[in-house]
């Protein structure tokens, strides 16, 4: 992407072995940059699209894609599963948590002023998933014998605030 800000949205969708990745960001002049790449079941590139448009025209682009889908006869195909729909927004939705991800969550939550929204964006999960995992880590830490498992960043203050907020 040509000089986008740090605020880049990345979405991934894999279905029947085909993987599509969409990245969008804003340039300093307010343009919306979009890159779309697709790969087939064998990993070969099957699609590539990139460009920019005024951010105010995004709704027109969405309408155009819907119209294209209707005209190509794709509108009546079965809808994506709820998990697939969540993964359109949160790439890691409904995936298990690794010890490394738990450690990263603890670290992010321990920073002063940490917000659930920012952590969710960083870890590509929903805000509800972050709150739930923080609760689970806090509860596990309280129930674990000393030295068995670290508590979420000694999470009495930042994590509790994040869970509540």
N, C-alpha and C. Protein backbone atom coordinates (compact mmCIF):
# COMPACT_ATOMS: atom_id res chain seq x y z
N UNK A 1 0.84 -1.18 0.00
CA UNK A 1 0.00 0.00 0.00
C UNK A 1 0.88 1.23 0.00
N UNK A 2 0.49 2.22 -0.74
CA UNK A 2 1.29 3.44 -0.84
C UNK A 2 1.03 4.34 0.34
N UNK A 3 2.01 4.45 1.21
CA UNK A 3 2.04 5.34 2.36
C UNK A 3 0.73 5.42 3.15
N UNK A 4 0.13 4.28 3.56
CA UNK A 4 -1.05 4.36 4.39
C UNK A 4 -0.66 4.71 5.81
N UNK A 5 -1.63 5.12 6.59
CA UNK A 5 -1.37 5.39 7.99
C UNK A 5 -1.22 4.06 8.71
N UNK A 6 -0.97 4.12 10.01
CA UNK A 6 -0.83 2.90 10.80
C UNK A 6 -2.15 2.17 10.94
N UNK A 7 -3.23 2.81 10.57
CA UNK A 7 -4.56 2.25 10.73
C UNK A 7 -4.95 1.46 9.49
N UNK A 8 -4.42 0.25 9.37
CA UNK A 8 -4.70 -0.61 8.22
C UNK A 8 -5.59 -1.76 8.68
N UNK A 9 -6.66 -1.97 7.95
CA UNK A 9 -7.57 -3.07 8.24
C UNK A 9 -7.21 -4.22 7.33
N UNK A 10 -7.08 -5.41 7.91
CA UNK A 10 -6.72 -6.59 7.12
C UNK A 10 -7.77 -7.67 7.42
N UNK A 11 -8.38 -8.17 6.36
CA UNK A 11 -9.38 -9.21 6.48
C UNK A 11 -8.95 -10.41 5.66
N UNK A 12 -9.20 -11.60 6.20
CA UNK A 12 -8.85 -12.82 5.48
C UNK A 12 -10.06 -13.74 5.48
N UNK A 13 -10.25 -14.42 4.36
CA UNK A 13 -11.33 -15.39 4.25
C UNK A 13 -10.82 -16.58 3.45
N UNK A 14 -11.00 -17.76 4.02
CA UNK A 14 -10.64 -18.99 3.33
C UNK A 14 -11.89 -19.85 3.22
N UNK A 15 -12.18 -20.27 2.02
CA UNK A 15 -13.35 -21.13 1.80
C UNK A 15 -13.02 -22.10 0.68
N UNK A 16 -13.31 -23.38 0.92
CA UNK A 16 -13.05 -24.44 -0.06
C UNK A 16 -11.62 -24.36 -0.61
N UNK A 17 -10.67 -24.05 0.28
CA UNK A 17 -9.27 -24.02 -0.10
C UNK A 17 -8.80 -22.74 -0.77
N UNK A 18 -9.72 -21.85 -1.11
CA UNK A 18 -9.32 -20.57 -1.70
C UNK A 18 -9.20 -19.54 -0.59
N UNK A 19 -8.15 -18.73 -0.66
CA UNK A 19 -7.88 -17.74 0.39
C UNK A 19 -7.83 -16.36 -0.23
N UNK A 20 -8.59 -15.45 0.36
CA UNK A 20 -8.59 -14.06 -0.07
C UNK A 20 -8.17 -13.18 1.08
N UNK A 21 -7.32 -12.21 0.78
CA UNK A 21 -6.85 -11.26 1.78
C UNK A 21 -7.15 -9.86 1.24
N UNK A 22 -7.84 -9.07 2.05
CA UNK A 22 -8.17 -7.70 1.70
C UNK A 22 -7.52 -6.79 2.72
N UNK A 23 -6.75 -5.84 2.25
CA UNK A 23 -6.12 -4.84 3.12
C UNK A 23 -6.57 -3.47 2.68
N UNK A 24 -6.96 -2.65 3.64
CA UNK A 24 -7.43 -1.30 3.33
C UNK A 24 -6.83 -0.34 4.34
N UNK A 25 -6.48 0.83 3.87
CA UNK A 25 -5.93 1.85 4.75
C UNK A 25 -6.18 3.23 4.16
N UNK A 26 -5.89 4.23 4.94
CA UNK A 26 -6.08 5.62 4.52
C UNK A 26 -4.73 6.27 4.27
N UNK A 27 -4.63 7.02 3.20
CA UNK A 27 -3.42 7.77 2.92
C UNK A 27 -3.54 9.13 3.59
N UNK A 28 -2.44 9.85 3.62
CA UNK A 28 -2.41 11.16 4.26
C UNK A 28 -3.42 12.13 3.63
N UNK A 29 -3.70 11.94 2.34
CA UNK A 29 -4.63 12.86 1.67
C UNK A 29 -6.09 12.39 1.75
N UNK A 30 -6.37 11.38 2.58
CA UNK A 30 -7.75 10.95 2.79
C UNK A 30 -8.26 9.88 1.84
N UNK A 31 -7.42 9.44 0.92
CA UNK A 31 -7.83 8.38 0.00
C UNK A 31 -7.87 7.05 0.75
N UNK A 32 -8.71 6.16 0.29
CA UNK A 32 -8.78 4.81 0.82
C UNK A 32 -8.03 3.92 -0.16
N UNK A 33 -6.98 3.24 0.31
CA UNK A 33 -6.24 2.32 -0.54
C UNK A 33 -6.71 0.91 -0.24
N UNK A 34 -6.86 0.13 -1.30
CA UNK A 34 -7.38 -1.22 -1.16
C UNK A 34 -6.49 -2.17 -1.96
N UNK A 35 -6.13 -3.28 -1.32
CA UNK A 35 -5.41 -4.36 -2.01
C UNK A 35 -6.16 -5.65 -1.74
N UNK A 36 -6.41 -6.41 -2.79
CA UNK A 36 -7.08 -7.70 -2.67
C UNK A 36 -6.24 -8.73 -3.39
N UNK A 37 -5.91 -9.81 -2.69
CA UNK A 37 -5.14 -10.90 -3.28
C UNK A 37 -5.85 -12.20 -2.97
N UNK A 38 -5.89 -13.07 -3.95
CA UNK A 38 -6.52 -14.37 -3.76
C UNK A 38 -5.60 -15.47 -4.23
N UNK A 39 -5.66 -16.60 -3.53
CA UNK A 39 -4.87 -17.75 -3.93
C UNK A 39 -5.75 -18.98 -3.95
N UNK A 40 -5.47 -19.87 -4.89
CA UNK A 40 -6.25 -21.09 -5.04
C UNK A 40 -5.78 -22.18 -4.09
N UNK A 41 -6.39 -23.34 -4.22
CA UNK A 41 -6.07 -24.46 -3.34
C UNK A 41 -4.61 -24.89 -3.46
N UNK A 42 -4.00 -24.64 -4.60
CA UNK A 42 -2.60 -25.01 -4.78
C UNK A 42 -1.64 -23.89 -4.41
N UNK A 43 -2.17 -22.76 -3.93
CA UNK A 43 -1.35 -21.63 -3.52
C UNK A 43 -1.05 -20.64 -4.62
N UNK A 44 -1.43 -20.96 -5.86
CA UNK A 44 -1.19 -20.04 -6.97
C UNK A 44 -2.13 -18.85 -6.87
N UNK A 45 -1.63 -17.70 -7.29
CA UNK A 45 -2.44 -16.49 -7.26
C UNK A 45 -3.58 -16.59 -8.27
N UNK A 46 -4.81 -16.33 -7.81
CA UNK A 46 -5.97 -16.38 -8.69
C UNK A 46 -6.63 -15.00 -8.84
N UNK A 47 -6.25 -14.06 -7.96
CA UNK A 47 -6.85 -12.73 -8.05
C UNK A 47 -5.89 -11.69 -7.49
N UNK A 48 -5.93 -10.52 -8.11
CA UNK A 48 -5.14 -9.40 -7.63
C UNK A 48 -5.85 -8.12 -8.04
N UNK A 49 -6.05 -7.26 -7.08
CA UNK A 49 -6.73 -5.99 -7.34
C UNK A 49 -6.16 -4.98 -6.36
N UNK A 50 -5.81 -3.80 -6.85
CA UNK A 50 -5.34 -2.76 -5.95
C UNK A 50 -5.67 -1.40 -6.55
N UNK A 51 -5.82 -0.45 -5.67
CA UNK A 51 -6.11 0.90 -6.11
C UNK A 51 -6.53 1.77 -4.96
N UNK A 52 -6.99 2.95 -5.29
CA UNK A 52 -7.44 3.88 -4.25
C UNK A 52 -8.68 4.61 -4.75
N UNK A 53 -9.44 5.11 -3.79
CA UNK A 53 -10.63 5.87 -4.10
C UNK A 53 -10.91 6.80 -2.92
N UNK A 54 -11.70 7.84 -3.16
CA UNK A 54 -12.07 8.69 -2.03
C UNK A 54 -12.84 7.86 -1.00
N UNK A 55 -12.51 8.00 0.27
CA UNK A 55 -13.16 7.22 1.32
C UNK A 55 -14.67 7.39 1.30
N UNK A 56 -15.14 8.54 0.84
CA UNK A 56 -16.59 8.80 0.79
C UNK A 56 -17.28 7.94 -0.26
N UNK A 57 -16.52 7.34 -1.17
CA UNK A 57 -17.11 6.50 -2.23
C UNK A 57 -17.14 5.02 -1.86
N UNK A 58 -16.76 4.67 -0.66
CA UNK A 58 -16.74 3.27 -0.27
C UNK A 58 -18.12 2.63 -0.39
N UNK A 59 -19.17 3.34 0.00
CA UNK A 59 -20.54 2.82 -0.12
C UNK A 59 -20.89 2.49 -1.56
N UNK A 60 -20.45 3.33 -2.49
CA UNK A 60 -20.70 3.07 -3.91
C UNK A 60 -19.99 1.78 -4.36
N UNK A 61 -18.78 1.58 -3.87
CA UNK A 61 -18.05 0.37 -4.21
C UNK A 61 -18.77 -0.87 -3.67
N UNK A 62 -19.26 -0.80 -2.46
CA UNK A 62 -20.01 -1.91 -1.87
C UNK A 62 -21.24 -2.21 -2.71
N UNK A 63 -21.99 -1.18 -3.09
CA UNK A 63 -23.18 -1.36 -3.93
C UNK A 63 -22.81 -1.99 -5.27
N UNK A 64 -21.70 -1.56 -5.84
CA UNK A 64 -21.25 -2.10 -7.12
C UNK A 64 -20.92 -3.59 -6.99
N UNK A 65 -20.25 -3.98 -5.92
CA UNK A 65 -19.92 -5.40 -5.72
C UNK A 65 -21.20 -6.21 -5.53
N UNK A 66 -22.17 -5.69 -4.79
CA UNK A 66 -23.45 -6.39 -4.60
C UNK A 66 -24.16 -6.57 -5.94
N UNK A 67 -24.16 -5.54 -6.75
CA UNK A 67 -24.78 -5.62 -8.07
C UNK A 67 -24.07 -6.65 -8.93
N UNK A 68 -22.76 -6.64 -8.91
CA UNK A 68 -21.99 -7.63 -9.66
C UNK A 68 -22.31 -9.04 -9.19
N UNK A 69 -22.43 -9.23 -7.90
CA UNK A 69 -22.75 -10.54 -7.35
C UNK A 69 -24.14 -11.00 -7.82
N UNK A 70 -25.11 -10.09 -7.82
CA UNK A 70 -26.46 -10.43 -8.30
C UNK A 70 -26.45 -10.80 -9.78
N UNK A 71 -25.75 -10.01 -10.57
CA UNK A 71 -25.73 -10.23 -12.01
C UNK A 71 -25.00 -11.50 -12.39
N UNK A 72 -24.06 -11.92 -11.56
CA UNK A 72 -23.31 -13.15 -11.85
C UNK A 72 -23.97 -14.37 -11.24
N UNK A 73 -25.14 -14.19 -10.59
CA UNK A 73 -25.88 -15.31 -10.05
C UNK A 73 -25.36 -15.85 -8.74
N UNK A 74 -24.53 -15.09 -8.04
CA UNK A 74 -23.95 -15.55 -6.78
C UNK A 74 -24.80 -15.16 -5.57
N UNK A 75 -25.79 -14.30 -5.73
CA UNK A 75 -26.53 -13.77 -4.59
C UNK A 75 -27.32 -14.84 -3.85
N UNK A 76 -27.73 -15.90 -4.53
CA UNK A 76 -28.59 -16.89 -3.90
C UNK A 76 -27.83 -18.06 -3.28
N UNK A 77 -26.50 -18.04 -3.35
CA UNK A 77 -25.73 -19.12 -2.73
C UNK A 77 -25.85 -19.00 -1.22
N UNK A 78 -25.63 -20.12 -0.55
CA UNK A 78 -25.79 -20.14 0.91
C UNK A 78 -24.85 -19.13 1.57
N UNK A 79 -25.34 -18.55 2.64
CA UNK A 79 -24.57 -17.55 3.38
C UNK A 79 -23.44 -18.23 4.13
N UNK A 80 -22.43 -17.46 4.44
CA UNK A 80 -21.30 -17.98 5.21
C UNK A 80 -21.78 -18.34 6.61
N UNK A 81 -21.09 -19.29 7.22
CA UNK A 81 -21.42 -19.70 8.58
C UNK A 81 -21.16 -18.53 9.53
N UNK A 82 -21.74 -18.57 10.72
CA UNK A 82 -21.48 -17.50 11.69
C UNK A 82 -19.99 -17.33 11.99
N UNK A 83 -19.26 -18.43 12.05
CA UNK A 83 -17.81 -18.34 12.31
C UNK A 83 -17.13 -17.61 11.15
N UNK A 84 -17.48 -17.98 9.92
CA UNK A 84 -16.89 -17.32 8.75
C UNK A 84 -17.24 -15.84 8.73
N UNK A 85 -18.47 -15.52 9.11
CA UNK A 85 -18.87 -14.12 9.16
C UNK A 85 -18.06 -13.35 10.18
N UNK A 86 -17.83 -13.94 11.35
CA UNK A 86 -17.00 -13.28 12.37
C UNK A 86 -15.58 -13.10 11.88
N UNK A 87 -15.07 -14.08 11.14
CA UNK A 87 -13.69 -13.98 10.68
C UNK A 87 -13.52 -12.94 9.59
N UNK A 88 -14.61 -12.48 8.98
CA UNK A 88 -14.50 -11.37 8.04
C UNK A 88 -14.05 -10.11 8.77
N UNK A 89 -14.47 -9.98 10.02
CA UNK A 89 -14.11 -8.80 10.81
C UNK A 89 -12.93 -9.07 11.74
N UNK A 90 -12.88 -10.27 12.31
CA UNK A 90 -11.85 -10.63 13.29
C UNK A 90 -11.18 -11.93 12.82
N UNK A 91 -10.02 -11.81 12.19
CA UNK A 91 -9.38 -12.95 11.54
C UNK A 91 -9.15 -14.13 12.47
N UNK A 92 -8.94 -13.89 13.76
CA UNK A 92 -8.64 -14.98 14.69
C UNK A 92 -9.88 -15.45 15.45
N UNK A 93 -11.06 -15.02 15.04
CA UNK A 93 -12.29 -15.39 15.76
C UNK A 93 -12.45 -16.90 15.84
N UNK A 94 -12.83 -17.37 17.02
CA UNK A 94 -13.12 -18.78 17.30
C UNK A 94 -11.91 -19.70 17.14
N UNK A 95 -10.73 -19.14 17.10
CA UNK A 95 -9.55 -19.98 17.09
C UNK A 95 -9.09 -20.15 18.53
N UNK A 96 -8.45 -21.26 18.82
CA UNK A 96 -7.95 -21.50 20.17
C UNK A 96 -6.86 -20.51 20.54
N UNK A 97 -6.61 -20.39 21.83
CA UNK A 97 -5.58 -19.50 22.34
C UNK A 97 -4.33 -20.32 22.66
N UNK A 98 -3.18 -19.87 22.20
CA UNK A 98 -1.92 -20.52 22.54
C UNK A 98 -1.35 -19.85 23.79
N UNK A 99 -0.38 -20.50 24.41
CA UNK A 99 0.28 -19.90 25.57
C UNK A 99 0.94 -18.58 25.18
N UNK A 100 1.49 -18.52 23.96
CA UNK A 100 2.14 -17.28 23.50
C UNK A 100 1.11 -16.16 23.36
N UNK A 101 -0.08 -16.48 22.84
CA UNK A 101 -1.12 -15.46 22.71
C UNK A 101 -1.62 -15.01 24.08
N UNK A 102 -1.72 -15.95 25.01
CA UNK A 102 -2.10 -15.58 26.39
C UNK A 102 -1.07 -14.63 26.97
N UNK A 103 0.21 -14.92 26.76
CA UNK A 103 1.27 -14.05 27.26
C UNK A 103 1.19 -12.66 26.62
N UNK A 104 0.92 -12.63 25.31
CA UNK A 104 0.80 -11.33 24.63
C UNK A 104 -0.41 -10.56 25.16
N UNK A 105 -1.51 -11.27 25.40
CA UNK A 105 -2.70 -10.62 25.96
C UNK A 105 -2.38 -10.05 27.34
N UNK A 106 -1.71 -10.83 28.18
CA UNK A 106 -1.34 -10.33 29.52
C UNK A 106 -0.49 -9.07 29.41
N UNK A 107 0.49 -9.13 28.50
CA UNK A 107 1.39 -7.99 28.32
C UNK A 107 0.62 -6.75 27.87
N UNK A 108 -0.23 -6.90 26.87
CA UNK A 108 -1.00 -5.76 26.36
C UNK A 108 -1.93 -5.21 27.44
N UNK A 109 -2.55 -6.10 28.22
CA UNK A 109 -3.50 -5.67 29.25
C UNK A 109 -2.81 -4.99 30.41
N UNK A 110 -1.53 -5.25 30.60
CA UNK A 110 -0.83 -4.67 31.75
C UNK A 110 -0.37 -3.24 31.50
N UNK A 111 -0.42 -2.78 30.26
CA UNK A 111 -0.01 -1.41 29.98
C UNK A 111 -1.02 -0.42 30.55
N UNK A 112 -0.53 0.64 31.17
CA UNK A 112 -1.46 1.67 31.69
C UNK A 112 -2.28 2.25 30.54
N UNK A 113 -3.56 2.37 30.77
CA UNK A 113 -4.45 2.94 29.76
C UNK A 113 -4.83 1.99 28.64
N UNK A 114 -4.48 0.71 28.78
CA UNK A 114 -4.82 -0.27 27.74
C UNK A 114 -6.33 -0.36 27.60
N UNK A 115 -6.79 -0.49 26.36
CA UNK A 115 -8.23 -0.61 26.13
C UNK A 115 -8.54 -1.94 25.45
N UNK A 116 -9.70 -2.46 25.76
CA UNK A 116 -10.14 -3.71 25.15
C UNK A 116 -10.20 -3.55 23.63
N UNK A 117 -10.67 -2.41 23.17
CA UNK A 117 -10.79 -2.17 21.73
C UNK A 117 -9.43 -2.26 21.03
N UNK A 118 -8.42 -1.63 21.61
CA UNK A 118 -7.09 -1.65 21.02
C UNK A 118 -6.49 -3.05 21.05
N UNK A 119 -6.68 -3.75 22.17
CA UNK A 119 -6.15 -5.11 22.28
C UNK A 119 -6.84 -6.02 21.26
N UNK A 120 -8.16 -5.87 21.13
CA UNK A 120 -8.91 -6.69 20.17
C UNK A 120 -8.39 -6.47 18.75
N UNK A 121 -8.13 -5.23 18.40
CA UNK A 121 -7.61 -4.93 17.06
C UNK A 121 -6.23 -5.56 16.86
N UNK A 122 -5.39 -5.46 17.87
CA UNK A 122 -4.03 -6.01 17.78
C UNK A 122 -4.06 -7.53 17.61
N UNK A 123 -4.92 -8.19 18.37
CA UNK A 123 -4.96 -9.66 18.35
C UNK A 123 -5.96 -10.22 17.34
N UNK A 124 -6.62 -9.34 16.58
CA UNK A 124 -7.60 -9.73 15.56
C UNK A 124 -8.71 -10.60 16.12
N UNK A 125 -9.22 -10.18 17.28
CA UNK A 125 -10.33 -10.87 17.93
C UNK A 125 -11.37 -9.83 18.33
N UNK A 126 -12.55 -10.30 18.69
CA UNK A 126 -13.61 -9.37 19.09
C UNK A 126 -13.35 -8.86 20.52
N UNK A 127 -13.96 -7.75 20.85
CA UNK A 127 -13.84 -7.22 22.20
C UNK A 127 -14.38 -8.21 23.22
N UNK A 128 -15.47 -8.90 22.87
CA UNK A 128 -16.04 -9.91 23.77
C UNK A 128 -15.06 -11.05 24.02
N UNK A 129 -14.33 -11.46 22.98
CA UNK A 129 -13.35 -12.54 23.13
C UNK A 129 -12.23 -12.10 24.06
N UNK A 130 -11.81 -10.85 23.95
CA UNK A 130 -10.74 -10.34 24.82
C UNK A 130 -11.22 -10.31 26.26
N UNK A 131 -12.40 -9.77 26.49
CA UNK A 131 -12.93 -9.71 27.87
C UNK A 131 -13.06 -11.11 28.46
N UNK A 132 -13.59 -12.04 27.67
CA UNK A 132 -13.78 -13.40 28.14
C UNK A 132 -12.45 -14.06 28.48
N UNK A 133 -11.46 -13.88 27.61
CA UNK A 133 -10.17 -14.52 27.87
C UNK A 133 -9.49 -13.90 29.08
N UNK A 134 -9.60 -12.58 29.25
CA UNK A 134 -9.02 -11.94 30.43
C UNK A 134 -9.66 -12.48 31.72
N UNK A 135 -10.98 -12.66 31.69
CA UNK A 135 -11.66 -13.24 32.85
C UNK A 135 -11.15 -14.64 33.14
N UNK A 136 -11.05 -15.44 32.08
CA UNK A 136 -10.59 -16.82 32.25
C UNK A 136 -9.17 -16.87 32.80
N UNK A 137 -8.29 -16.02 32.27
CA UNK A 137 -6.91 -15.98 32.76
C UNK A 137 -6.87 -15.53 34.22
N UNK A 138 -7.67 -14.53 34.54
CA UNK A 138 -7.72 -14.04 35.92
C UNK A 138 -8.22 -15.14 36.85
N UNK A 139 -9.29 -15.84 36.45
CA UNK A 139 -9.85 -16.90 37.28
C UNK A 139 -8.87 -18.07 37.41
N UNK A 140 -8.19 -18.43 36.34
CA UNK A 140 -7.20 -19.49 36.39
C UNK A 140 -6.05 -19.12 37.33
N UNK A 141 -5.62 -17.87 37.22
CA UNK A 141 -4.52 -17.40 38.07
C UNK A 141 -4.88 -17.45 39.53
N UNK A 142 -6.13 -17.11 39.85
CA UNK A 142 -6.57 -17.11 41.24
C UNK A 142 -6.69 -18.53 41.77
N UNK A 143 -7.04 -19.49 40.90
CA UNK A 143 -7.26 -20.86 41.34
C UNK A 143 -5.98 -21.69 41.31
N UNK A 144 -4.95 -21.24 40.57
CA UNK A 144 -3.74 -22.04 40.42
C UNK A 144 -2.87 -21.92 41.67
N UNK A 145 -2.20 -23.02 42.05
CA UNK A 145 -1.26 -22.95 43.16
C UNK A 145 -0.10 -22.03 42.82
N UNK A 146 0.55 -21.49 43.83
CA UNK A 146 1.68 -20.59 43.62
C UNK A 146 2.70 -21.22 42.70
N UNK A 147 3.19 -20.45 41.74
CA UNK A 147 4.22 -20.90 40.83
C UNK A 147 3.71 -21.78 39.71
N UNK A 148 2.42 -22.15 39.71
CA UNK A 148 1.90 -23.04 38.67
C UNK A 148 1.70 -22.30 37.36
N UNK A 149 1.06 -21.16 37.42
CA UNK A 149 0.81 -20.39 36.20
C UNK A 149 0.72 -18.93 36.58
N UNK A 150 1.36 -18.09 35.80
CA UNK A 150 1.36 -16.67 36.10
C UNK A 150 -0.04 -16.10 35.96
N UNK A 151 -0.36 -15.17 36.82
CA UNK A 151 -1.64 -14.48 36.70
C UNK A 151 -1.51 -13.44 35.60
N UNK A 152 -2.63 -13.01 35.03
CA UNK A 152 -2.56 -12.05 33.92
C UNK A 152 -1.92 -10.74 34.33
N UNK A 153 -0.62 -10.66 34.21
CA UNK A 153 0.09 -9.42 34.49
C UNK A 153 -0.12 -8.93 35.90
N UNK A 154 -0.21 -9.82 36.90
CA UNK A 154 -0.62 -9.44 38.24
C UNK A 154 -1.84 -8.56 38.13
N UNK A 155 -2.83 -9.12 37.49
CA UNK A 155 -3.90 -8.37 36.86
C UNK A 155 -4.97 -7.81 37.79
N UNK A 156 -4.63 -7.35 38.93
CA UNK A 156 -5.69 -6.83 39.78
C UNK A 156 -6.19 -5.48 39.30
N UNK A 157 -5.32 -4.66 38.72
CA UNK A 157 -5.81 -3.36 38.32
C UNK A 157 -6.13 -3.25 36.84
N UNK A 158 -5.12 -3.26 35.92
CA UNK A 158 -5.46 -3.01 34.51
C UNK A 158 -6.42 -4.04 33.95
N UNK A 159 -6.20 -5.34 34.22
CA UNK A 159 -7.04 -6.35 33.62
C UNK A 159 -8.46 -6.25 34.15
N UNK A 160 -8.63 -6.06 35.47
CA UNK A 160 -9.97 -5.93 36.01
C UNK A 160 -10.70 -4.73 35.40
N UNK A 161 -9.98 -3.65 35.19
CA UNK A 161 -10.60 -2.48 34.56
C UNK A 161 -10.99 -2.82 33.13
N UNK A 162 -10.13 -3.54 32.42
CA UNK A 162 -10.44 -3.91 31.05
C UNK A 162 -11.65 -4.84 31.00
N UNK A 163 -11.70 -5.80 31.91
CA UNK A 163 -12.82 -6.74 31.92
C UNK A 163 -14.11 -6.01 32.22
N UNK A 164 -14.07 -5.09 33.15
CA UNK A 164 -15.28 -4.35 33.51
C UNK A 164 -15.68 -3.39 32.41
N UNK A 165 -14.70 -2.81 31.70
CA UNK A 165 -15.00 -1.78 30.71
C UNK A 165 -15.13 -2.34 29.41
